[in-house]
Amino acid sequence: MAGGVNKVILIGNLGADPDMRYTPSGAGVCEMRIATNESWTDKQGQRQERTEWHRVVVWGKRAELCAKYLSKGRQCYVEGRLRTRSWEDKDGNKRYTTEIVATDVQFLGGGGRGGGGGGDFPPPPEPDGPYDNGGFGGGSPDDDIPF
């Protein structure tokens, strides 16, 4: 496969309110910290849990929507790609960070000041005509599943 794949999908909760800023050229950028939880049962039968923290960066109009409607504790879906960048700190040391550059953010569940439900954009319009299955199988997607 040429080029590879760089895709991240998360569903998690914000650990703090989003941080909205603007670049000198006026582009909006919103930074968020999102926690995901993983749980499992260890060899001794004890339930274990681990929280992973993710740095998420959102640009443009979507950044402004995130800053407006998301807040600490709010659950969201994030889709994007990993990016590692570097800079020099005030002592001249080279520093690195890896973050997720979001291409899609949807607001889920309750919590935070934004309330529950829905995403940040309206749903796509319903099709005008009958369901088109592209010639595969019969019926509509609402037919009963045989198992």
Foldseek 3Di string as FASTA:
>chain_A
DPPDDFKDKDKFFWQFQWDWDADPVGKIKIKTKGKDKDWDQDPVRDIDMDIDIAIEMEIHPVRVLSNVQGGGGWIKMFMFGKDKDWDADPVRDIDIDIHGYTPAMFTAAADDPNGHDTGSDDDDDDDPDDDDPPPPDDDDPPDDDPD
